[in-house]
Amino acid sequence: MVKIRLSRFGSTHNPHYRIVVADSRRPRDGGYIESLGHYDPRKRTETYLKIDAERAAYWLAQGAQPTDTARRLLKSQGVKLG
């Protein structure tokens, strides 16, 4: 199953996440199919959340299932989920 989920990168105590499309059998930080954007939960910059809404909508139309957190972030950026 293909999922839209977060992949962690950044240093210790400084999390940053990529919003990626990945096979659900792959490890969290393993290989992914496509990167859709990034998210900084500490909100250190004005662009703490950036998502390519057009590509996200494409993957959702192809049947990709977002995780709960990814769903919340996509919804906040105006991506239609259903």
N, C-alpha and C. Protein backbone atom coordinates (compact mmCIF):
# COMPACT_ATOMS: atom_id res chain seq x y z
N MET A 1 0.84 -1.18 0.00
CA MET A 1 0.00 0.00 0.00
C MET A 1 0.89 1.24 0.00
N VAL A 2 0.51 2.23 -0.76
CA VAL A 2 1.25 3.49 -0.83
C VAL A 2 0.66 4.46 0.19
N LYS A 3 1.55 5.11 0.95
CA LYS A 3 1.12 6.04 1.99
C LYS A 3 1.79 7.39 1.80
N ILE A 4 1.09 8.42 2.23
CA ILE A 4 1.69 9.75 2.36
C ILE A 4 1.98 9.91 3.83
N ARG A 5 3.26 10.08 4.17
CA ARG A 5 3.64 10.12 5.58
C ARG A 5 4.83 11.03 5.78
N LEU A 6 5.24 11.17 7.04
CA LEU A 6 6.38 12.01 7.38
C LEU A 6 7.62 11.16 7.52
N SER A 7 8.74 11.68 7.05
CA SER A 7 10.03 11.03 7.18
C SER A 7 10.93 12.01 7.94
N ARG A 8 11.48 11.58 9.06
CA ARG A 8 12.24 12.49 9.91
C ARG A 8 13.67 12.67 9.40
N PHE A 9 14.12 13.91 9.45
CA PHE A 9 15.53 14.22 9.27
C PHE A 9 15.83 15.41 10.17
N GLY A 10 17.05 15.88 10.18
CA GLY A 10 17.44 16.91 11.15
C GLY A 10 18.24 16.26 12.26
N SER A 11 18.78 17.09 13.14
CA SER A 11 19.64 16.57 14.20
C SER A 11 18.86 16.26 15.46
N THR A 12 19.55 15.75 16.46
CA THR A 12 18.94 15.42 17.74
C THR A 12 18.33 16.68 18.36
N HIS A 13 17.13 16.57 18.86
CA HIS A 13 16.38 17.67 19.48
C HIS A 13 16.07 18.80 18.51
N ASN A 14 16.20 18.56 17.21
CA ASN A 14 15.89 19.56 16.19
C ASN A 14 15.20 18.85 15.02
N PRO A 15 13.97 18.38 15.24
CA PRO A 15 13.31 17.58 14.20
C PRO A 15 12.84 18.43 13.02
N HIS A 16 12.98 17.86 11.86
CA HIS A 16 12.41 18.38 10.62
C HIS A 16 11.86 17.16 9.91
N TYR A 17 10.84 17.34 9.12
CA TYR A 17 10.22 16.21 8.45
C TYR A 17 10.03 16.51 6.98
N ARG A 18 10.20 15.49 6.16
CA ARG A 18 9.81 15.55 4.76
C ARG A 18 8.45 14.88 4.67
N ILE A 19 7.57 15.42 3.86
CA ILE A 19 6.29 14.78 3.58
C ILE A 19 6.51 13.99 2.30
N VAL A 20 6.43 12.66 2.41
CA VAL A 20 6.81 11.80 1.31
C VAL A 20 5.71 10.81 0.95
N VAL A 21 5.80 10.30 -0.26
CA VAL A 21 4.96 9.20 -0.72
C VAL A 21 5.87 7.97 -0.68
N ALA A 22 5.45 6.95 0.09
CA ALA A 22 6.31 5.78 0.26
C ALA A 22 5.48 4.51 0.36
N ASP A 23 6.11 3.40 0.05
CA ASP A 23 5.49 2.10 0.26
C ASP A 23 5.43 1.87 1.76
N SER A 24 4.30 1.38 2.26
CA SER A 24 4.11 1.23 3.70
C SER A 24 5.05 0.19 4.31
N ARG A 25 5.65 -0.67 3.50
CA ARG A 25 6.57 -1.69 4.01
C ARG A 25 7.98 -1.17 4.22
N ARG A 26 8.27 0.02 3.73
CA ARG A 26 9.60 0.60 3.88
C ARG A 26 9.76 1.22 5.26
N PRO A 27 11.00 1.31 5.77
CA PRO A 27 11.22 1.97 7.05
C PRO A 27 10.87 3.45 6.99
N ARG A 28 10.62 4.05 8.14
CA ARG A 28 10.18 5.45 8.21
C ARG A 28 11.13 6.38 7.46
N ASP A 29 12.42 6.20 7.65
CA ASP A 29 13.39 7.09 7.02
C ASP A 29 14.07 6.44 5.81
N GLY A 30 13.48 5.36 5.32
CA GLY A 30 14.05 4.66 4.17
C GLY A 30 13.71 5.35 2.86
N GLY A 31 13.87 4.62 1.78
CA GLY A 31 13.60 5.18 0.47
C GLY A 31 12.14 5.53 0.28
N TYR A 32 11.88 6.48 -0.57
CA TYR A 32 10.52 6.90 -0.84
C TYR A 32 10.34 7.11 -2.33
N ILE A 33 9.09 7.19 -2.74
CA ILE A 33 8.77 7.35 -4.16
C ILE A 33 8.93 8.80 -4.59
N GLU A 34 8.35 9.72 -3.80
CA GLU A 34 8.41 11.14 -4.15
C GLU A 34 8.29 11.99 -2.89
N SER A 35 9.01 13.09 -2.86
CA SER A 35 8.91 14.04 -1.77
C SER A 35 7.90 15.12 -2.16
N LEU A 36 6.94 15.39 -1.26
CA LEU A 36 5.89 16.37 -1.56
C LEU A 36 6.13 17.71 -0.88
N GLY A 37 7.01 17.75 0.11
CA GLY A 37 7.26 19.00 0.81
C GLY A 37 8.00 18.77 2.10
N HIS A 38 7.94 19.77 2.98
CA HIS A 38 8.63 19.66 4.26
C HIS A 38 7.83 20.32 5.36
N TYR A 39 8.17 19.97 6.62
CA TYR A 39 7.45 20.47 7.79
C TYR A 39 8.42 20.64 8.94
N ASP A 40 8.41 21.81 9.57
CA ASP A 40 9.22 22.09 10.76
C ASP A 40 8.25 22.28 11.92
N PRO A 41 8.13 21.29 12.81
CA PRO A 41 7.16 21.40 13.91
C PRO A 41 7.50 22.51 14.91
N ARG A 42 8.73 22.99 14.91
CA ARG A 42 9.12 24.06 15.84
C ARG A 42 8.78 25.44 15.29
N LYS A 43 8.38 25.50 14.04
CA LYS A 43 7.93 26.74 13.38
C LYS A 43 8.95 27.86 13.51
N ARG A 44 10.17 27.56 13.15
CA ARG A 44 11.28 28.52 13.26
C ARG A 44 11.29 29.56 12.14
N THR A 45 10.68 29.26 11.00
CA THR A 45 10.65 30.20 9.89
C THR A 45 9.21 30.40 9.43
N GLU A 46 9.02 31.36 8.56
CA GLU A 46 7.68 31.62 8.03
C GLU A 46 7.21 30.47 7.14
N THR A 47 8.16 29.79 6.50
CA THR A 47 7.80 28.67 5.61
C THR A 47 8.02 27.35 6.33
N TYR A 48 7.46 27.22 7.52
CA TYR A 48 7.65 25.99 8.29
C TYR A 48 6.90 24.81 7.68
N LEU A 49 5.93 25.07 6.81
CA LEU A 49 5.18 24.01 6.14
C LEU A 49 5.04 24.37 4.67
N LYS A 50 5.54 23.48 3.82
CA LYS A 50 5.42 23.69 2.38
C LYS A 50 5.07 22.36 1.74
N ILE A 51 3.96 22.33 1.01
CA ILE A 51 3.49 21.11 0.36
C ILE A 51 3.13 21.42 -1.08
N ASP A 52 3.54 20.55 -1.99
CA ASP A 52 3.13 20.65 -3.39
C ASP A 52 1.72 20.07 -3.48
N ALA A 53 0.72 20.92 -3.40
CA ALA A 53 -0.68 20.49 -3.34
C ALA A 53 -1.12 19.75 -4.59
N GLU A 54 -0.60 20.15 -5.72
CA GLU A 54 -0.98 19.51 -6.98
C GLU A 54 -0.52 18.04 -7.01
N ARG A 55 0.72 17.79 -6.61
CA ARG A 55 1.23 16.42 -6.57
C ARG A 55 0.56 15.60 -5.48
N ALA A 56 0.25 16.24 -4.34
CA ALA A 56 -0.44 15.54 -3.26
C ALA A 56 -1.82 15.09 -3.75
N ALA A 57 -2.53 15.96 -4.45
CA ALA A 57 -3.85 15.61 -4.98
C ALA A 57 -3.73 14.47 -5.99
N TYR A 58 -2.68 14.48 -6.79
CA TYR A 58 -2.46 13.40 -7.75
C TYR A 58 -2.30 12.06 -7.03
N TRP A 59 -1.46 12.02 -6.00
CA TRP A 59 -1.22 10.77 -5.28
C TRP A 59 -2.46 10.30 -4.54
N LEU A 60 -3.24 11.24 -4.00
CA LEU A 60 -4.49 10.85 -3.35
C LEU A 60 -5.46 10.24 -4.36
N ALA A 61 -5.48 10.79 -5.57
CA ALA A 61 -6.34 10.25 -6.63
C ALA A 61 -5.89 8.86 -7.06
N GLN A 62 -4.59 8.57 -6.91
CA GLN A 62 -4.06 7.26 -7.26
C GLN A 62 -4.27 6.23 -6.16
N GLY A 63 -4.81 6.66 -5.01
CA GLY A 63 -5.12 5.73 -3.94
C GLY A 63 -4.17 5.76 -2.76
N ALA A 64 -3.25 6.71 -2.71
CA ALA A 64 -2.33 6.81 -1.58
C ALA A 64 -3.13 7.19 -0.32
N GLN A 65 -2.80 6.56 0.80
CA GLN A 65 -3.49 6.82 2.06
C GLN A 65 -2.62 7.66 2.97
N PRO A 66 -3.06 8.86 3.37
CA PRO A 66 -2.26 9.68 4.27
C PRO A 66 -2.37 9.19 5.72
N THR A 67 -1.29 9.34 6.47
CA THR A 67 -1.34 9.05 7.90
C THR A 67 -2.13 10.18 8.57
N ASP A 68 -2.45 10.03 9.84
CA ASP A 68 -3.24 11.04 10.55
C ASP A 68 -2.57 12.41 10.54
N THR A 69 -1.27 12.44 10.82
CA THR A 69 -0.55 13.72 10.84
C THR A 69 -0.45 14.30 9.44
N ALA A 70 -0.15 13.48 8.45
CA ALA A 70 -0.07 13.96 7.08
C ALA A 70 -1.43 14.48 6.62
N ARG A 71 -2.51 13.81 7.02
CA ARG A 71 -3.86 14.26 6.67
C ARG A 71 -4.12 15.66 7.24
N ARG A 72 -3.74 15.88 8.49
CA ARG A 72 -3.93 17.18 9.14
C ARG A 72 -3.15 18.27 8.40
N LEU A 73 -1.90 17.98 8.03
CA LEU A 73 -1.07 18.96 7.34
C LEU A 73 -1.60 19.24 5.93
N LEU A 74 -2.02 18.21 5.23
CA LEU A 74 -2.58 18.40 3.89
C LEU A 74 -3.86 19.24 3.95
N LYS A 75 -4.70 18.95 4.93
CA LYS A 75 -5.94 19.70 5.09
C LYS A 75 -5.67 21.17 5.38
N SER A 76 -4.63 21.45 6.19
CA SER A 76 -4.31 22.84 6.52
C SER A 76 -3.81 23.62 5.31
N GLN A 77 -3.33 22.90 4.28
CA GLN A 77 -2.85 23.54 3.06
C GLN A 77 -3.92 23.57 1.97
N GLY A 78 -5.13 23.09 2.29
CA GLY A 78 -6.23 23.16 1.34
C GLY A 78 -6.30 22.04 0.33
N VAL A 79 -5.64 20.93 0.60
CA VAL A 79 -5.69 19.79 -0.32
C VAL A 79 -6.99 19.02 -0.04
N LYS A 80 -7.74 18.75 -1.10
CA LYS A 80 -9.00 17.99 -0.96
C LYS A 80 -8.66 16.53 -0.68
N LEU A 81 -9.23 15.99 0.41
CA LEU A 81 -8.90 14.63 0.83
C LEU A 81 -9.94 13.61 0.41
N GLY A 82 -11.05 14.01 -0.08
CA GLY A 82 -12.04 13.00 -0.40
C GLY A 82 -12.85 13.28 -1.55
